Every structure is written in structure tokens, then in C-alpha cells.
C-alpha atoms as a PDB file:
ATOM      1  CA  MET A   1     -44.868  29.189  -8.373  1.00  0.00           C
ATOM      2  CA  ASN A   2     -41.940  28.410 -10.673  1.00  0.00           C
ATOM      3  CA  TRP A   3     -41.344  24.699  -9.948  1.00  0.00           C
ATOM      4  CA  SER A   4     -38.398  24.362 -12.361  1.00  0.00           C
ATOM      5  CA  TYR A   5     -36.618  27.217 -10.594  1.00  0.00           C
ATOM      6  CA  SER A   6     -37.292  25.639  -7.198  1.00  0.00           C
ATOM      7  CA  VAL A   7     -35.971  22.233  -8.273  1.00  0.00           C
ATOM      8  CA  LYS A   8     -32.878  23.741  -9.877  1.00  0.00           C
ATOM      9  CA  LYS A   9     -32.006  25.662  -6.735  1.00  0.00           C
ATOM     10  CA  GLU A  10     -32.425  22.654  -4.426  1.00  0.00           C
ATOM     11  CA  PHE A  11     -28.763  21.796  -4.086  1.00  0.00           C
ATOM     12  CA  ASP A  12     -27.738  18.140  -3.990  1.00  0.00           C
ATOM     13  CA  TYR A  13     -24.906  17.901  -1.479  1.00  0.00           C
ATOM     14  CA  ASN A  14     -23.679  14.655  -3.068  1.00  0.00           C
ATOM     15  CA  LEU A  15     -22.289  16.895  -5.820  1.00  0.00           C
ATOM     16  CA  ILE A  16     -19.638  18.056  -3.350  1.00  0.00           C
ATOM     17  CA  LYS A  17     -18.148  14.550  -3.295  1.00  0.00           C
ATOM     18  CA  VAL A  18     -18.177  14.404  -7.092  1.00  0.00           C
ATOM     19  CA  LEU A  19     -16.346  17.720  -7.468  1.00  0.00           C
ATOM     20  CA  ASP A  20     -13.817  16.679  -4.834  1.00  0.00           C
ATOM     21  CA  ALA A  21     -13.208  13.317  -6.553  1.00  0.00           C
ATOM     22  CA  VAL A  22     -12.748  14.840 -10.040  1.00  0.00           C
ATOM     23  CA  ILE A  23     -10.313  17.515  -8.858  1.00  0.00           C
ATOM     24  CA  SER A  24      -8.393  15.083  -6.641  1.00  0.00           C
ATOM     25  CA  ALA A  25      -8.237  12.266  -9.200  1.00  0.00           C
ATOM     26  CA  GLY A  26      -7.503  14.479 -12.201  1.00  0.00           C
ATOM     27  CA  ASN A  27     -10.126  13.176 -14.609  1.00  0.00           C
ATOM     28  CA  VAL A  28     -13.629  11.722 -14.827  1.00  0.00           C
ATOM     29  CA  THR A  29     -12.529   8.107 -15.335  1.00  0.00           C
ATOM     30  CA  LYS A  30     -10.342   8.001 -12.229  1.00  0.00           C
ATOM     31  CA  ALA A  31     -12.979   9.881 -10.232  1.00  0.00           C
ATOM     32  CA  SER A  32     -15.622   7.323 -11.220  1.00  0.00           C
ATOM     33  CA  LYS A  33     -13.428   4.514  -9.868  1.00  0.00           C
ATOM     34  CA  ARG A  34     -12.986   6.321  -6.559  1.00  0.00           C
ATOM     35  CA  LEU A  35     -16.728   6.888  -6.282  1.00  0.00           C
ATOM     36  CA  ALA A  36     -17.583   3.382  -7.553  1.00  0.00           C
ATOM     37  CA  VAL A  37     -19.898   4.775 -10.258  1.00  0.00           C
ATOM     38  CA  THR A  38     -19.745   5.007 -14.058  1.00  0.00           C
ATOM     39  CA  PRO A  39     -17.933   7.868 -15.853  1.00  0.00           C
ATOM     40  CA  ALA A  40     -21.310   8.822 -17.359  1.00  0.00           C
ATOM     41  CA  ALA A  41     -22.763   9.300 -13.869  1.00  0.00           C
ATOM     42  CA  VAL A  42     -19.860  11.590 -12.936  1.00  0.00           C
ATOM     43  CA  SER A  43     -20.348  13.646 -16.126  1.00  0.00           C
ATOM     44  CA  ILE A  44     -24.069  14.041 -15.396  1.00  0.00           C
ATOM     45  CA  ALA A  45     -23.293  15.135 -11.838  1.00  0.00           C
ATOM     46  CA  LEU A  46     -20.819  17.757 -13.101  1.00  0.00           C
ATOM     47  CA  THR A  47     -23.441  19.071 -15.528  1.00  0.00           C
ATOM     48  CA  ARG A  48     -25.913  19.389 -12.646  1.00  0.00           C
ATOM     49  CA  LEU A  49     -23.304  21.168 -10.535  1.00  0.00           C
ATOM     50  CA  GLN A  50     -22.515  23.563 -13.377  1.00  0.00           C
ATOM     51  CA  GLY A  51     -26.203  24.523 -13.449  1.00  0.00           C
ATOM     52  CA  PHE A  52     -25.785  26.264 -10.098  1.00  0.00           C
ATOM     53  CA  TYR A  53     -22.984  28.555 -11.283  1.00  0.00           C
ATOM     54  CA  ASN A  54     -22.715  31.129 -14.055  1.00  0.00           C
ATOM     55  CA  GLU A  55     -18.953  30.762 -14.497  1.00  0.00           C
ATOM     56  CA  ALA A  56     -17.505  27.654 -16.154  1.00  0.00           C
ATOM     57  CA  LEU A  57     -16.152  25.096 -13.681  1.00  0.00           C
ATOM     58  CA  PHE A  58     -14.134  22.991 -16.122  1.00  0.00           C
ATOM     59  CA  VAL A  59     -12.500  23.379 -19.528  1.00  0.00           C
ATOM     60  CA  ARG A  60     -11.415  20.553 -21.784  1.00  0.00           C
ATOM     61  CA  GLY A  61      -7.723  19.843 -22.200  1.00  0.00           C
ATOM     62  CA  ARG A  62      -5.695  17.088 -23.852  1.00  0.00           C
ATOM     63  CA  SER A  63      -5.681  15.006 -20.676  1.00  0.00           C
ATOM     64  CA  GLY A  64      -9.347  15.598 -19.873  1.00  0.00           C
ATOM     65  CA  LEU A  65     -11.241  18.155 -17.810  1.00  0.00           C
ATOM     66  CA  ILE A  66      -9.226  20.983 -16.269  1.00  0.00           C
ATOM     67  CA  PRO A  67     -10.762  22.811 -13.275  1.00  0.00           C
ATOM     68  CA  THR A  68     -11.046  26.589 -13.589  1.00  0.00           C
ATOM     69  CA  MET A  69     -10.105  29.024 -10.831  1.00  0.00           C
ATOM     70  CA  LYS A  70     -13.794  29.189  -9.934  1.00  0.00           C
ATOM     71  CA  ALA A  71     -13.934  25.406  -9.503  1.00  0.00           C
ATOM     72  CA  LEU A  72     -10.827  25.416  -7.321  1.00  0.00           C
ATOM     73  CA  GLU A  73     -12.276  28.212  -5.200  1.00  0.00           C
ATOM     74  CA  ILE A  74     -15.551  26.300  -4.744  1.00  0.00           C
ATOM     75  CA  HIS A  75     -13.649  23.096  -4.004  1.00  0.00           C
ATOM     76  CA  GLU A  76     -11.658  24.799  -1.250  1.00  0.00           C
ATOM     77  CA  ARG A  77     -14.840  26.083   0.383  1.00  0.00           C
ATOM     78  CA  PHE A  78     -16.506  22.688   0.051  1.00  0.00           C
ATOM     79  CA  CYS A  79     -13.533  21.106   1.817  1.00  0.00           C
ATOM     80  CA  GLN A  80     -13.873  23.596   4.657  1.00  0.00           C
ATOM     81  CA  ALA A  81     -17.569  22.719   4.943  1.00  0.00           C
ATOM     82  CA  ILE A  82     -16.789  18.993   5.045  1.00  0.00           C
ATOM     83  CA  ASP A  83     -14.240  19.544   7.823  1.00  0.00           C
ATOM     84  CA  LEU A  84     -16.778  21.569   9.815  1.00  0.00           C
ATOM     85  CA  ILE A  85     -19.358  18.800   9.456  1.00  0.00           C
ATOM     86  CA  LYS A  86     -16.855  16.260  10.771  1.00  0.00           C
ATOM     87  CA  LEU A  87     -16.292  18.457  13.822  1.00  0.00           C
ATOM     88  CA  THR A  88     -19.982  18.183  14.731  1.00  0.00           C
ATOM     89  CA  LEU A  89     -19.503  14.524  15.649  1.00  0.00           C
ATOM     90  CA  THR A  90     -19.899  13.888  19.353  1.00  0.00           C
ATOM     91  CA  PRO A  91     -16.542  13.858  21.195  1.00  0.00           C
ATOM     92  CA  GLN A  92     -17.091  10.275  22.369  1.00  0.00           C
ATOM     93  CA  LYS A  93     -17.809   8.936  18.893  1.00  0.00           C
ATOM     94  CA  GLN A  94     -15.055  11.031  17.351  1.00  0.00           C
ATOM     95  CA  SER A  95     -12.507   9.763  19.891  1.00  0.00           C
ATOM     96  CA  ALA A  96     -13.568   6.126  19.455  1.00  0.00           C
ATOM     97  CA  GLU A  97     -13.383   6.320  15.666  1.00  0.00           C
ATOM     98  CA  ARG A  98      -9.989   7.995  15.708  1.00  0.00           C
ATOM     99  CA  ASN A  99      -8.594   5.146  17.787  1.00  0.00           C
ATOM    100  CA  LYS A 100      -9.496   2.638  15.069  1.00  0.00           C
ATOM    101  CA  ILE A 101      -6.724   2.363  12.488  1.00  0.00           C
ATOM    102  CA  THR A 102      -7.189   0.309   9.328  1.00  0.00           C
ATOM    103  CA  ILE A 103      -4.010  -0.619   7.458  1.00  0.00           C
ATOM    104  CA  LEU A 104      -4.259  -1.543   3.805  1.00  0.00           C
ATOM    105  CA  GLY A 105      -1.700  -4.059   2.589  1.00  0.00           C
ATOM    106  CA  GLY A 106      -0.905  -7.664   1.827  1.00  0.00           C
ATOM    107  CA  ASP A 107       0.344 -10.709   3.657  1.00  0.00           C
ATOM    108  CA  ILE A 108       3.719  -9.219   4.585  1.00  0.00           C
ATOM    109  CA  THR A 109       1.970  -6.138   6.011  1.00  0.00           C
ATOM    110  CA  GLU A 110      -0.057  -8.259   8.405  1.00  0.00           C
ATOM    111  CA  ASN A 111       2.545 -10.890   9.304  1.00  0.00           C
ATOM    112  CA  TYR A 112       5.674  -8.728   9.368  1.00  0.00           C
ATOM    113  CA  TYR A 113       4.932  -5.026   9.878  1.00  0.00           C
ATOM    114  CA  LEU A 114       1.900  -5.319  12.150  1.00  0.00           C
ATOM    115  CA  SER A 115       3.649  -8.078  14.094  1.00  0.00           C
ATOM    116  CA  GLN A 116       6.377  -5.597  14.969  1.00  0.00           C
ATOM    117  CA  LEU A 117       3.808  -3.476  16.792  1.00  0.00           C
ATOM    118  CA  TYR A 118       2.399  -6.262  18.963  1.00  0.00           C
ATOM    119  CA  ASP A 119       4.764  -5.608  21.865  1.00  0.00           C
ATOM    120  CA  ASP A 120       4.389  -1.842  21.627  1.00  0.00           C
ATOM    121  CA  LYS A 121       2.029   0.295  23.701  1.00  0.00           C
ATOM    122  CA  LEU A 122       0.300   1.417  20.503  1.00  0.00           C
ATOM    123  CA  PHE A 123      -1.951  -1.644  20.818  1.00  0.00           C
ATOM    124  CA  GLU A 124      -3.140  -0.323  24.166  1.00  0.00           C
ATOM    125  CA  ARG A 125      -4.231   2.961  22.566  1.00  0.00           C
ATOM    126  CA  PHE A 126      -5.440   1.877  19.134  1.00  0.00           C
ATOM    127  CA  THR A 127      -7.547  -0.864  17.637  1.00  0.00           C
ATOM    128  CA  PHE A 128      -5.836  -2.095  14.460  1.00  0.00           C
ATOM    129  CA  ARG A 129      -7.514  -3.761  11.513  1.00  0.00           C
ATOM    130  CA  HIS A 130      -5.843  -5.207   8.431  1.00  0.00           C
ATOM    131  CA  PHE A 131      -7.554  -4.718   5.062  1.00  0.00           C
ATOM    132  CA  SER A 132      -6.261  -6.891   2.199  1.00  0.00           C
ATOM    133  CA  ASN A 133      -5.055  -5.169  -0.966  1.00  0.00           C
ATOM    134  CA  ARG A 134      -5.443  -8.365  -2.990  1.00  0.00           C
ATOM    135  CA  ASN A 135      -6.571  -7.633  -6.571  1.00  0.00           C
ATOM    136  CA  ARG A 136      -6.698  -3.879  -5.890  1.00  0.00           C
ATOM    137  CA  ASP A 137      -4.835  -1.462  -8.143  1.00  0.00           C
ATOM    138  CA  GLY A 138      -3.283   1.835  -7.079  1.00  0.00           C
ATOM    139  CA  GLU A 139      -6.365   3.903  -7.882  1.00  0.00           C
ATOM    140  CA  GLU A 140      -8.636   1.618  -5.883  1.00  0.00           C
ATOM    141  CA  MET A 141      -6.258   1.823  -2.918  1.00  0.00           C
ATOM    142  CA  LYS A 142      -6.314   5.628  -3.144  1.00  0.00           C
ATOM    143  CA  ARG A 143     -10.119   5.598  -3.236  1.00  0.00           C
ATOM    144  CA  LEU A 144     -10.237   3.522  -0.047  1.00  0.00           C
ATOM    145  CA  LEU A 145      -7.944   6.021   1.654  1.00  0.00           C
ATOM    146  CA  ILE A 146      -9.900   9.045   0.449  1.00  0.00           C
ATOM    147  CA  MET A 147     -13.192   7.581   1.655  1.00  0.00           C
ATOM    148  CA  GLU A 148     -11.454   6.700   4.969  1.00  0.00           C
ATOM    149  CA  GLU A 149     -12.406   3.067   4.632  1.00  0.00           C
ATOM    150  CA  CYS A 150      -8.683   2.564   5.228  1.00  0.00           C
ATOM    151  CA  ASP A 151      -6.221   4.895   6.943  1.00  0.00           C
ATOM    152  CA  ILE A 152      -2.724   3.784   5.905  1.00  0.00           C
ATOM    153  CA  ALA A 153      -1.519   1.864   2.854  1.00  0.00           C
ATOM    154  CA  ILE A 154       1.804   0.011   2.800  1.00  0.00           C
ATOM    155  CA  SER A 155       3.361  -0.554  -0.609  1.00  0.00           C
ATOM    156  CA  PRO A 156       6.707  -0.692  -2.458  1.00  0.00           C
ATOM    157  CA  THR A 157       5.373   2.031  -4.773  1.00  0.00           C
ATOM    158  CA  LEU A 158       6.327   5.675  -4.180  1.00  0.00           C
ATOM    159  CA  VAL A 159       3.124   7.723  -4.480  1.00  0.00           C
ATOM    160  CA  ASN A 160       3.545  11.167  -6.038  1.00  0.00           C
ATOM    161  CA  ASP A 161       0.165  12.782  -5.449  1.00  0.00           C
ATOM    162  CA  ASN A 162      -0.476  16.146  -3.809  1.00  0.00           C
ATOM    163  CA  ASP A 163      -3.493  14.735  -1.975  1.00  0.00           C
ATOM    164  CA  PHE A 164      -1.425  12.055  -0.229  1.00  0.00           C
ATOM    165  CA  GLU A 165       1.428  11.978   2.230  1.00  0.00           C
ATOM    166  CA  CYS A 166       3.999   9.286   1.437  1.00  0.00           C
ATOM    167  CA  LYS A 167       6.948   8.349   3.652  1.00  0.00           C
ATOM    168  CA  PRO A 168       9.519   5.516   3.489  1.00  0.00           C
ATOM    169  CA  ILE A 169       9.265   3.044   6.363  1.00  0.00           C
ATOM    170  CA  ASP A 170      11.686   0.333   5.302  1.00  0.00           C
ATOM    171  CA  ASN A 171      14.515  -0.567   2.953  1.00  0.00           C
ATOM    172  CA  PHE A 172      15.501  -4.101   1.946  1.00  0.00           C
ATOM    173  CA  LYS A 173      19.114  -3.961   0.801  1.00  0.00           C
ATOM    174  CA  HIS A 174      20.422  -7.279   2.123  1.00  0.00           C
ATOM    175  CA  PHE A 175      19.036 -10.592   0.889  1.00  0.00           C
ATOM    176  CA  CYS A 176      19.460 -14.206   1.897  1.00  0.00           C
ATOM    177  CA  VAL A 177      18.347 -17.727   1.075  1.00  0.00           C
ATOM    178  CA  ILE A 178      16.378 -19.718   3.632  1.00  0.00           C
ATOM    179  CA  CYS A 179      16.076 -23.493   3.893  1.00  0.00           C
ATOM    180  CA  GLY A 180      14.855 -26.072   6.406  1.00  0.00           C
ATOM    181  CA  LYS A 181      17.187 -27.542   9.041  1.00  0.00           C
ATOM    182  CA  ASP A 182      17.022 -30.915   7.265  1.00  0.00           C
ATOM    183  CA  ASN A 183      17.830 -29.471   3.856  1.00  0.00           C
ATOM    184  CA  LEU A 184      21.055 -30.844   2.369  1.00  0.00           C
ATOM    185  CA  LEU A 185      22.229 -27.251   1.839  1.00  0.00           C
ATOM    186  CA  SER A 186      21.715 -26.227   5.483  1.00  0.00           C
ATOM    187  CA  GLU A 187      25.321 -27.000   6.436  1.00  0.00           C
ATOM    188  CA  LEU A 188      26.609 -24.354   4.036  1.00  0.00           C
ATOM    189  CA  SER A 189      27.104 -20.723   5.034  1.00  0.00           C
ATOM    190  CA  GLN A 190      26.989 -19.419   1.470  1.00  0.00           C
ATOM    191  CA  LEU A 191      25.568 -20.931  -1.710  1.00  0.00           C
ATOM    192  CA  SER A 192      27.390 -21.155  -4.980  1.00  0.00           C
ATOM    193  CA  LEU A 193      25.585 -20.297  -8.209  1.00  0.00           C
ATOM    194  CA  HIS A 194      25.408 -24.011  -8.909  1.00  0.00           C
ATOM    195  CA  ASN A 195      23.796 -24.677  -5.500  1.00  0.00           C
ATOM    196  CA  PHE A 196      21.346 -21.833  -6.001  1.00  0.00           C
ATOM    197  CA  PHE A 197      20.135 -22.790  -9.456  1.00  0.00           C
ATOM    198  CA  SER A 198      20.138 -26.546  -8.814  1.00  0.00           C
ATOM    199  CA  ALA A 199      17.755 -26.158  -5.879  1.00  0.00           C
ATOM    200  CA  HIS A 200      13.986 -25.942  -6.231  1.00  0.00           C
ATOM    201  CA  HIS A 201      12.652 -22.577  -5.095  1.00  0.00           C
ATOM    202  CA  ALA A 202       9.545 -21.477  -3.219  1.00  0.00           C
ATOM    203  CA  VAL A 203       8.397 -18.117  -4.572  1.00  0.00           C
ATOM    204  CA  PHE A 204       6.279 -15.570  -2.728  1.00  0.00           C
ATOM    205  CA  LYS A 205       4.252 -13.172  -4.846  1.00  0.00           C
ATOM    206  CA  ALA A 206       1.952 -10.515  -3.441  1.00  0.00           C
ATOM    207  CA  ASN A 207       0.942  -6.932  -4.201  1.00  0.00           C
ATOM    208  CA  ASP A 208       2.945  -5.368  -1.378  1.00  0.00           C
ATOM    209  CA  TYR A 209       6.158  -7.357  -1.794  1.00  0.00           C
ATOM    210  CA  THR A 210       8.309  -7.259  -4.903  1.00  0.00           C
ATOM    211  CA  ALA A 211      11.476  -9.105  -3.877  1.00  0.00           C
ATOM    212  CA  VAL A 212      10.429 -12.295  -5.607  1.00  0.00           C
ATOM    213  CA  THR A 213       9.428 -10.507  -8.790  1.00  0.00           C
ATOM    214  CA  ILE A 214      13.105  -9.832  -9.543  1.00  0.00           C
ATOM    215  CA  LYS A 215      13.851 -11.353 -12.912  1.00  0.00           C
ATOM    216  CA  ASP A 216      16.343 -14.182 -12.981  1.00  0.00           C
ATOM    217  CA  ASN A 217      18.667 -12.329 -15.325  1.00  0.00           C
ATOM    218  CA  ASN A 218      18.859  -9.494 -12.751  1.00  0.00           C
ATOM    219  CA  LEU A 219      19.999 -11.728  -9.900  1.00  0.00           C
ATOM    220  CA  TYR A 220      23.692 -11.529 -10.730  1.00  0.00           C
ATOM    221  CA  ASN A 221      26.116  -9.070 -12.216  1.00  0.00           C
ATOM    222  CA  ASN A 222      27.301  -9.160 -15.815  1.00  0.00           C
ATOM    223  CA  ASN A 223      30.626 -10.792 -14.909  1.00  0.00           C
ATOM    224  CA  ALA A 224      29.033 -14.020 -13.709  1.00  0.00           C
ATOM    225  CA  ASP A 225      29.950 -17.034 -15.861  1.00  0.00           C
ATOM    226  CA  TYR A 226      27.070 -19.186 -14.620  1.00  0.00           C
ATOM    227  CA  LYS A 227      23.690 -17.795 -15.679  1.00  0.00           C
ATOM    228  CA  GLU A 228      20.592 -19.930 -15.273  1.00  0.00           C
ATOM    229  CA  ARG A 229      16.964 -19.549 -14.263  1.00  0.00           C
ATOM    230  CA  ARG A 230      15.561 -20.596 -10.917  1.00  0.00           C
ATOM    231  CA  ILE A 231      13.595 -23.827 -10.774  1.00  0.00           C
ATOM    232  CA  VAL A 232      10.278 -22.865  -9.194  1.00  0.00           C
ATOM    233  CA  GLY A 233       8.742 -25.692  -7.179  1.00  0.00           C
ATOM    234  CA  TYR A 234       6.153 -23.740  -5.211  1.00  0.00           C
ATOM    235  CA  LYS A 235       4.325 -20.398  -5.429  1.00  0.00           C
ATOM    236  CA  SER A 236       2.262 -18.733  -2.726  1.00  0.00           C
ATOM    237  CA  ASP A 237       0.803 -15.364  -1.736  1.00  0.00           C
ATOM    238  CA  SER A 238       1.086 -16.349   1.930  1.00  0.00           C
ATOM    239  CA  LEU A 239       4.391 -15.467   3.561  1.00  0.00           C
ATOM    240  CA  THR A 240       3.863 -17.790   6.528  1.00  0.00           C
ATOM    241  CA  GLY A 241       2.726 -20.546   4.179  1.00  0.00           C
ATOM    242  CA  LEU A 242       5.857 -20.194   2.066  1.00  0.00           C
ATOM    243  CA  ILE A 243       8.216 -20.268   5.060  1.00  0.00           C
ATOM    244  CA  SER A 244       6.350 -23.241   6.518  1.00  0.00           C
ATOM    245  CA  ILE A 245       6.793 -25.298   3.367  1.00  0.00           C
ATOM    246  CA  VAL A 246      10.484 -24.362   3.141  1.00  0.00           C
ATOM    247  CA  GLU A 247      10.848 -25.457   6.767  1.00  0.00           C
ATOM    248  CA  ARG A 248       9.441 -28.923   5.998  1.00  0.00           C
ATOM    249  CA  THR A 249      10.863 -29.675   2.539  1.00  0.00           C
ATOM    250  CA  GLN A 250      14.003 -29.442   0.430  1.00  0.00           C
ATOM    251  CA  LEU A 251      12.818 -26.157  -1.115  1.00  0.00           C
ATOM    252  CA  VAL A 252      14.731 -22.895  -0.662  1.00  0.00           C
ATOM    253  CA  ALA A 253      13.536 -19.301  -0.904  1.00  0.00           C
ATOM    254  CA  LEU A 254      15.178 -15.971  -1.637  1.00  0.00           C
ATOM    255  CA  MET A 255      13.989 -13.116   0.601  1.00  0.00           C
ATOM    256  CA  PRO A 256      15.136  -9.969   2.436  1.00  0.00           C
ATOM    257  CA  LEU A 257      17.475 -10.777   5.309  1.00  0.00           C
ATOM    258  CA  LYS A 258      15.433  -8.696   7.785  1.00  0.00           C
ATOM    259  CA  VAL A 259      12.280 -10.672   7.041  1.00  0.00           C
ATOM    260  CA  ALA A 260      14.046 -14.031   7.329  1.00  0.00           C
ATOM    261  CA  THR A 261      15.716 -13.046  10.612  1.00  0.00           C
ATOM    262  CA  PHE A 262      12.378 -11.902  12.057  1.00  0.00           C
ATOM    263  CA  PHE A 263      10.671 -15.214  11.280  1.00  0.00           C
ATOM    264  CA  LYS A 264      13.623 -17.257  12.532  1.00  0.00           C
ATOM    265  CA  ASN A 265      14.228 -15.368  15.800  1.00  0.00           C
ATOM    266  CA  GLN A 266      10.837 -13.894  16.686  1.00  0.00           C
ATOM    267  CA  ARG A 267       8.434 -16.415  15.167  1.00  0.00           C
ATOM    268  CA  LYS A 268      10.776 -19.355  15.960  1.00  0.00           C
ATOM    269  CA  TYR A 269      10.624 -20.994  12.522  1.00  0.00           C
ATOM    270  CA  ASN A 270      13.057 -23.898  12.217  1.00  0.00           C
ATOM    271  CA  ILE A 271      15.020 -22.514   9.269  1.00  0.00           C
ATOM    272  CA  ASN A 272      18.611 -21.758   8.380  1.00  0.00           C
ATOM    273  CA  ILE A 273      19.740 -18.508   6.773  1.00  0.00           C
ATOM    274  CA  LEU A 274      22.352 -18.781   4.035  1.00  0.00           C
ATOM    275  CA  GLN A 275      24.197 -16.125   2.077  1.00  0.00           C
ATOM    276  CA  PRO A 276      23.284 -16.006  -1.621  1.00  0.00           C
ATOM    277  CA  PRO A 277      26.028 -16.523  -4.227  1.00  0.00           C
ATOM    278  CA  ARG A 278      28.618 -13.748  -4.117  1.00  0.00           C
ATOM    279  CA  GLU A 279      28.078 -13.112  -7.828  1.00  0.00           C
ATOM    280  CA  MET A 280      24.533 -11.915  -7.159  1.00  0.00           C
ATOM    281  CA  LEU A 281      23.750  -8.229  -6.974  1.00  0.00           C
ATOM    282  CA  ILE A 282      20.103  -7.672  -6.024  1.00  0.00           C
ATOM    283  CA  LYS A 283      18.590  -4.208  -6.285  1.00  0.00           C
ATOM    284  CA  PRO A 284      17.417  -2.751  -2.923  1.00  0.00           C
ATOM    285  CA  ILE A 285      13.673  -2.447  -2.351  1.00  0.00           C
ATOM    286  CA  ASN A 286      12.021   0.493  -0.593  1.00  0.00           C
ATOM    287  CA  VAL A 287       8.723   0.184   1.253  1.00  0.00           C
ATOM    288  CA  TYR A 288       6.432   3.169   1.785  1.00  0.00           C
ATOM    289  CA  ALA A 289       3.415   4.113   3.876  1.00  0.00           C
ATOM    290  CA  TYR A 290       0.992   6.614   2.428  1.00  0.00           C
ATOM    291  CA  TRP A 291      -2.296   8.167   3.514  1.00  0.00           C
ATOM    292  CA  HIS A 292      -4.785  10.884   2.550  1.00  0.00           C
ATOM    293  CA  LYS A 293      -3.777  14.305   3.849  1.00  0.00           C
ATOM    294  CA  ARG A 294      -7.325  15.139   4.926  1.00  0.00           C
ATOM    295  CA  ASN A 295      -7.790  12.013   7.010  1.00  0.00           C
ATOM    296  CA  THR A 296      -9.255  13.004  10.378  1.00  0.00           C
ATOM    297  CA  LYS A 297      -6.772  10.690  12.119  1.00  0.00           C
ATOM    298  CA  TYR A 298      -3.754  12.416  10.574  1.00  0.00           C
ATOM    299  CA  PRO A 299      -1.775  12.961  13.851  1.00  0.00           C
ATOM    300  CA  HIS A 300      -2.299   9.332  14.915  1.00  0.00           C
ATOM    301  CA  ILE A 301      -1.312   8.083  11.465  1.00  0.00           C
ATOM    302  CA  GLU A 302       1.935  10.049  11.552  1.00  0.00           C
ATOM    303  CA  GLU A 303       2.751   8.566  14.963  1.00  0.00           C
ATOM    304  CA  ILE A 304       2.131   5.003  13.766  1.00  0.00           C
ATOM    305  CA  VAL A 305       4.123   5.475  10.555  1.00  0.00           C
ATOM    306  CA  THR A 306       7.020   6.954  12.524  1.00  0.00           C
ATOM    307  CA  MET A 307       6.956   3.942  14.864  1.00  0.00           C
ATOM    308  CA  LEU A 308       6.968   1.518  11.909  1.00  0.00           C
ATOM    309  CA  HIS A 309       9.976   3.324  10.447  1.00  0.00           C
ATOM    310  CA  THR A 310      11.789   3.266  13.797  1.00  0.00           C
ATOM    311  CA  LEU A 311      11.170  -0.449  14.354  1.00  0.00           C
ATOM    312  CA  SER A 312      12.264  -1.295  10.809  1.00  0.00           C
ATOM    313  CA  ALA A 313      15.464   0.717  11.242  1.00  0.00           C
ATOM    314  CA  PHE A 314      16.486  -1.583  14.102  1.00  0.00           C
ATOM    315  CA  ARG A 315      16.188  -4.652  11.864  1.00  0.00           C
ATOM    316  CA  HIS A 316      19.326  -4.591   9.721  1.00  0.00           C
END
């Protein structure tokens, strides 16, 4: 018996995941991150896969490996096989799993966007889980979505990737300054540039929220005579923590008007909302939801994303 022939023809079905990751990610390095293995391990797996086919699966290009028509044909059939395997799940287990939705995001995702769904009937139909994106880059977030460890990611970054669906859910175009009721500035309706830059600021910084990353020299238009930098007295990656400290101290914070209004009216924080200096011209911020197109919960995801967009549209 030819043992080498037998071993060679014993197909390792893990190679399907490797091929899918390389074609989806675009190169070996990105694929290795999605699979949580080394690039060398991916290269070895591709060599093993190539051993099963006479035609070349990849050719080398300037940007890395380029899949041939044969590889794309095999990949399409592999994807069909994966979908068929998923359909073999028992209806009860399949239904239960599809009702669990994991949303990938940061503090504002959990305390602002998910909070908007609490009074909606979606919570009667789905079990929601929040998965923190702290210290995760874009490729790692994509990997989590591809592996269906997470279902939806919320981010200010527009994702241009054929394997992902990306839709806008929110737009921050109006900004305000918040302060506590006992703050000396609370009696004002609008701050002057002097008020704004004399105050000590609380700054929120997180992966899914870029409003506070606006540079100081981009806070006002070129005609402003008074140009200074904010005095930062507090930094936090917790939105509720930041608003709480503003509520109790003389600190102020710049944030989207919709977010401030939500925490003042819905969460009942004891804060005042002030208009920023009229000389300021802050660039609008878009927020997107994106997910993997082959996620088995695709119809449910679309429904949830549509609801998030609808709820955000009502908060001007």
C-alpha cells in the first residue's frame, strides 16, 4: 500500500478556513491575524492545500499572493459547503443562536446606542451582548466578525471591504459644552472663546468615539482672533464616568449635542448644556455599523441596524 499517497489524499478540512481567510483578507499577514496564527503557519497550510491540486492556486504580485481563477472557483465551492454544514444544525439550536446578538464597540456603544434599544421590543426577541473593542485594531475587529464571535461592529470608520456590509447609523453635526449645575458657567447660554479656553476640560477618548480627538487648532475657523489650546483637567475612556465628574466639579466637556441631551433627559444627569463659542466650526462625525456578509444572522442584523439608524434619526 502506498502510505504517502494515502496521507496526501487525506484532506484536512481546516485548510478551507485558511483559503477563505487569505482570499478575504487579501494577503498572508492579514489572514494570519484573523486566524490568530503566524504567517508561516498560513504559508505552510497553503502549500499543503496546493498539493491537492494540479493548477496553481496563487501567484505572487507586488502586494502579495494573488488568487488564480482556480482558487476563486474552489473558494466559492468551499463557501457553499460551509453554508450547507451550518444548515445541518438542529432548528432549536439554530434558532437560539440566531437570537443572540453580540455588538462590538466601546463605551459609547454600550451606554448610548444599546441604551436606545432598552425600551424597544427587540429586547424581547433577542439577547444582546456587548463586546469591548478596547485595544483592538480594524483587522482584529474584522476577524471577530468573520469568525462570528461578534455580529455587529459600531465605529466612526467607513469600511470599504467586499466581504462586509457597512451602513451609516448616526451623524454628529451639532456639538455643545456640558457643565455641572453648580459650575460658574452654568448661567450662560453660550460660551465665549475666553470662557471655553479658560475652563478646565474633561476629555473622553475611546476607539469608537472621535469627537474629542479633534485637534484644538481645528475647533474654530480661520477668522477667529482668539486661538488657544484647551486645558485638559481629566481624561477617561468611560462616557458615564466623564459626565459624572463634570456633574460634580467645575470641569466642562465638549461633546455631540445628541449625546449630551440623551444623558441629561433620559439618564437624568444634573448637567447644563451650553452652546460652544460661535467662532467654532467642528467637523461632523459619522458613525457606522458593519458586519460580515456571510453571517448566519444577516436578516436579524439588518433589522437591528435599521432600528439603530431610525432611533438616532429622532435625536437631533
